[in-house]
């Protein structure tokens, strides 16, 4: 029996088989985790889309309300809806519309030392910091394993 075991490498083959099964189990666990993450991402995507639709509908109602308030303001002598309230309605409608359609609601501009728009040239900045080395091609290096005394 030992002779057959040695000739057919049974010990090695059993270990290889066990490793293959363990790898299959690890892969299954990774796929299950990915599937759960994908399901959560899909749920959040649905929630975001529902929220965007709701904001868009609210925006439409606010615009209609602002139009009605503007019409009443022109028709009434006592000017019940104020221009300030109409402006606030329009601002809110605009903000909701921009949020619902994925646009930014605020504009941020960086300025340079003289107050002008800040423009960064990455290559120029790297060349200034590192000199000609920034333009040099990358160098391939091979990794080597080094044994440390007392550790294996």
Protein backbone atom coordinates (compact mmCIF):
# COMPACT_ATOMS: atom_id res chain seq x y z
CA UNK A 1 0.00 0.00 0.00
CA UNK A 2 2.87 2.43 0.84
CA UNK A 3 4.43 1.54 -2.49
CA UNK A 4 1.25 2.46 -4.40
CA UNK A 5 0.89 5.60 -2.33
CA UNK A 6 4.41 6.70 -3.22
CA UNK A 7 4.10 5.72 -6.90
CA UNK A 8 0.81 7.58 -7.33
CA UNK A 9 1.70 10.55 -5.09
CA UNK A 10 -1.44 10.04 -3.03
CA UNK A 11 -0.33 12.38 -0.23
CA UNK A 12 0.33 15.24 -2.70
CA UNK A 13 -2.87 14.55 -4.61
CA UNK A 14 -4.96 14.58 -1.42
CA UNK A 15 -3.43 17.95 -0.47
CA UNK A 16 -4.01 19.33 -3.98
CA UNK A 17 -7.62 18.14 -3.86
CA UNK A 18 -8.17 19.70 -0.43
CA UNK A 19 -6.64 22.98 -1.65
CA UNK A 20 -8.87 22.95 -4.74
CA UNK A 21 -11.96 22.45 -2.57
CA UNK A 22 -10.86 25.22 -0.19
CA UNK A 23 -10.26 27.58 -3.13
CA UNK A 24 -13.70 26.77 -4.55
CA UNK A 25 -15.27 27.53 -1.16
CA UNK A 26 -13.34 30.83 -0.92
CA UNK A 27 -14.44 31.77 -4.45
CA UNK A 28 -18.04 30.94 -3.56
CA UNK A 29 -17.82 33.15 -0.48
CA UNK A 30 -16.33 36.00 -2.56
CA UNK A 31 -19.10 35.68 -5.15
CA UNK A 32 -21.76 35.66 -2.41
CA UNK A 33 -20.24 38.81 -0.92
CA UNK A 34 -20.11 40.49 -4.33
CA UNK A 35 -23.71 39.52 -4.98
CA UNK A 36 -24.78 41.07 -1.67
CA UNK A 37 -22.90 44.27 -2.45
CA UNK A 38 -24.44 44.42 -5.92
CA UNK A 39 -27.93 43.93 -4.47
CA UNK A 40 -27.36 46.75 -1.98
CA UNK A 41 -26.01 49.00 -4.71
CA UNK A 42 -29.08 48.26 -6.85
CA UNK A 43 -31.38 49.06 -3.92
CA UNK A 44 -29.63 52.38 -3.30
CA UNK A 45 -29.79 53.18 -7.01
CA UNK A 46 -33.56 52.58 -6.92
CA UNK A 47 -33.90 54.77 -3.82
CA UNK A 48 -31.91 57.57 -5.41
CA UNK A 49 -34.00 57.41 -8.58
CA UNK A 50 -37.25 57.47 -6.58
CA UNK A 51 -35.93 60.46 -4.61
CA UNK A 52 -34.96 62.28 -7.81
CA UNK A 53 -38.43 61.69 -9.31
CA UNK A 54 -40.08 62.97 -6.12
CA UNK A 55 -37.88 66.09 -6.06
CA UNK A 56 -38.65 66.74 -9.72
CA UNK A 57 -42.40 66.51 -9.11
CA UNK A 58 -42.08 68.84 -6.12
CA UNK A 59 -40.08 71.24 -8.29
CA UNK A 60 -42.87 71.26 -10.87
CA UNK A 61 -45.45 72.04 -8.16
CA UNK A 62 -43.27 74.84 -6.78
CA UNK A 63 -42.85 76.37 -10.23
CA UNK A 64 -46.61 76.29 -10.76
CA UNK A 65 -47.11 77.88 -7.33
CA UNK A 66 -44.59 80.62 -8.19
CA UNK A 67 -46.37 81.27 -11.50
CA UNK A 68 -49.72 81.50 -9.69
CA UNK A 69 -48.25 83.82 -7.06
CA UNK A 70 -46.76 86.01 -9.80
CA UNK A 71 -50.13 86.14 -11.62
CA UNK A 72 -51.92 87.05 -8.39
CA UNK A 73 -49.31 89.67 -7.58
CA UNK A 74 -49.95 91.41 -10.91
CA UNK A 75 -53.74 91.19 -10.51
CA UNK A 76 -54.12 92.23 -6.86
CA UNK A 77 -53.89 95.77 -5.62
CA UNK A 78 -52.80 94.68 -2.14
CA UNK A 79 -50.00 92.51 -3.60
CA UNK A 80 -50.61 89.59 -1.20
CA UNK A 81 -47.73 87.37 -2.40
CA UNK A 82 -44.55 89.40 -2.08
CA UNK A 83 -41.80 89.44 -4.66
CA UNK A 84 -39.53 88.01 -1.96
CA UNK A 85 -41.79 84.98 -1.48
CA UNK A 86 -41.96 84.43 -5.24
CA UNK A 87 -38.17 84.67 -5.51
CA UNK A 88 -37.78 82.13 -2.70
CA UNK A 89 -40.17 79.75 -4.47
CA UNK A 90 -38.26 80.07 -7.73
CA UNK A 91 -34.91 79.60 -5.98
CA UNK A 92 -36.16 76.46 -4.25
CA UNK A 93 -37.64 75.13 -7.52
CA UNK A 94 -34.34 75.75 -9.29
CA UNK A 95 -32.33 74.05 -6.55
CA UNK A 96 -34.62 71.01 -6.54
CA UNK A 97 -34.48 70.81 -10.33
CA UNK A 98 -30.69 70.90 -10.30
CA UNK A 99 -30.48 68.27 -7.57
CA UNK A 100 -32.98 66.01 -9.31
CA UNK A 101 -31.14 66.22 -12.62
CA UNK A 102 -27.72 65.62 -11.05
CA UNK A 103 -26.36 69.14 -11.49
CA UNK A 104 -24.45 71.03 -8.83
CA UNK A 105 -26.26 73.55 -6.68
CA UNK A 106 -23.31 75.74 -5.85
CA UNK A 107 -20.37 77.05 -7.83
CA UNK A 108 -16.97 77.17 -6.21
CA UNK A 109 -14.14 78.94 -7.96
CA UNK A 110 -10.53 78.80 -6.82
CA UNK A 111 -8.53 81.95 -7.34
CA UNK A 112 -4.80 82.53 -7.62
CA UNK A 113 -2.63 85.09 -5.81
CA UNK A 114 -3.72 87.94 -8.10
CA UNK A 115 -7.41 87.04 -7.78
CA UNK A 116 -7.59 85.34 -11.18
CA UNK A 117 -8.77 81.81 -11.83
CA UNK A 118 -6.32 79.24 -10.49
CA UNK A 119 -4.97 76.92 -13.20
CA UNK A 120 -2.54 74.18 -12.30
CA UNK A 121 -0.19 72.70 -14.87
CA UNK A 122 0.79 69.36 -13.35
CA UNK A 123 3.72 68.60 -15.64
CA UNK A 124 5.18 72.06 -15.19
CA UNK A 125 4.81 71.84 -11.43
CA UNK A 126 6.46 68.39 -11.36
CA UNK A 127 9.31 69.59 -13.55
CA UNK A 128 9.87 72.54 -11.20
CA UNK A 129 9.93 70.31 -8.13
CA UNK A 130 11.85 67.33 -9.50
CA UNK A 131 13.69 68.89 -12.42
CA UNK A 132 14.46 66.70 -15.45
CA UNK A 133 13.82 63.54 -13.40
CA UNK A 134 10.08 64.18 -13.79
CA UNK A 135 10.42 63.66 -17.54
CA UNK A 136 12.56 60.49 -17.27
CA UNK A 137 10.95 57.18 -18.29
CA UNK A 138 10.02 54.74 -15.51
CA UNK A 139 12.53 52.08 -14.50
CA UNK A 140 11.54 48.40 -14.11
CA UNK A 141 12.88 46.69 -11.00
CA UNK A 142 12.78 43.03 -9.99
CA UNK A 143 11.77 42.13 -6.45
CA UNK A 144 13.88 39.68 -4.45
CA UNK A 145 13.02 37.86 -1.25
CA UNK A 146 15.50 38.41 1.58
CA UNK A 147 15.56 36.14 4.63
CA UNK A 148 15.66 37.89 7.99
CA UNK A 149 17.54 36.26 10.83
CA UNK A 150 15.29 34.65 13.42
CA UNK A 151 12.18 34.86 11.19
CA UNK A 152 10.94 32.46 8.58
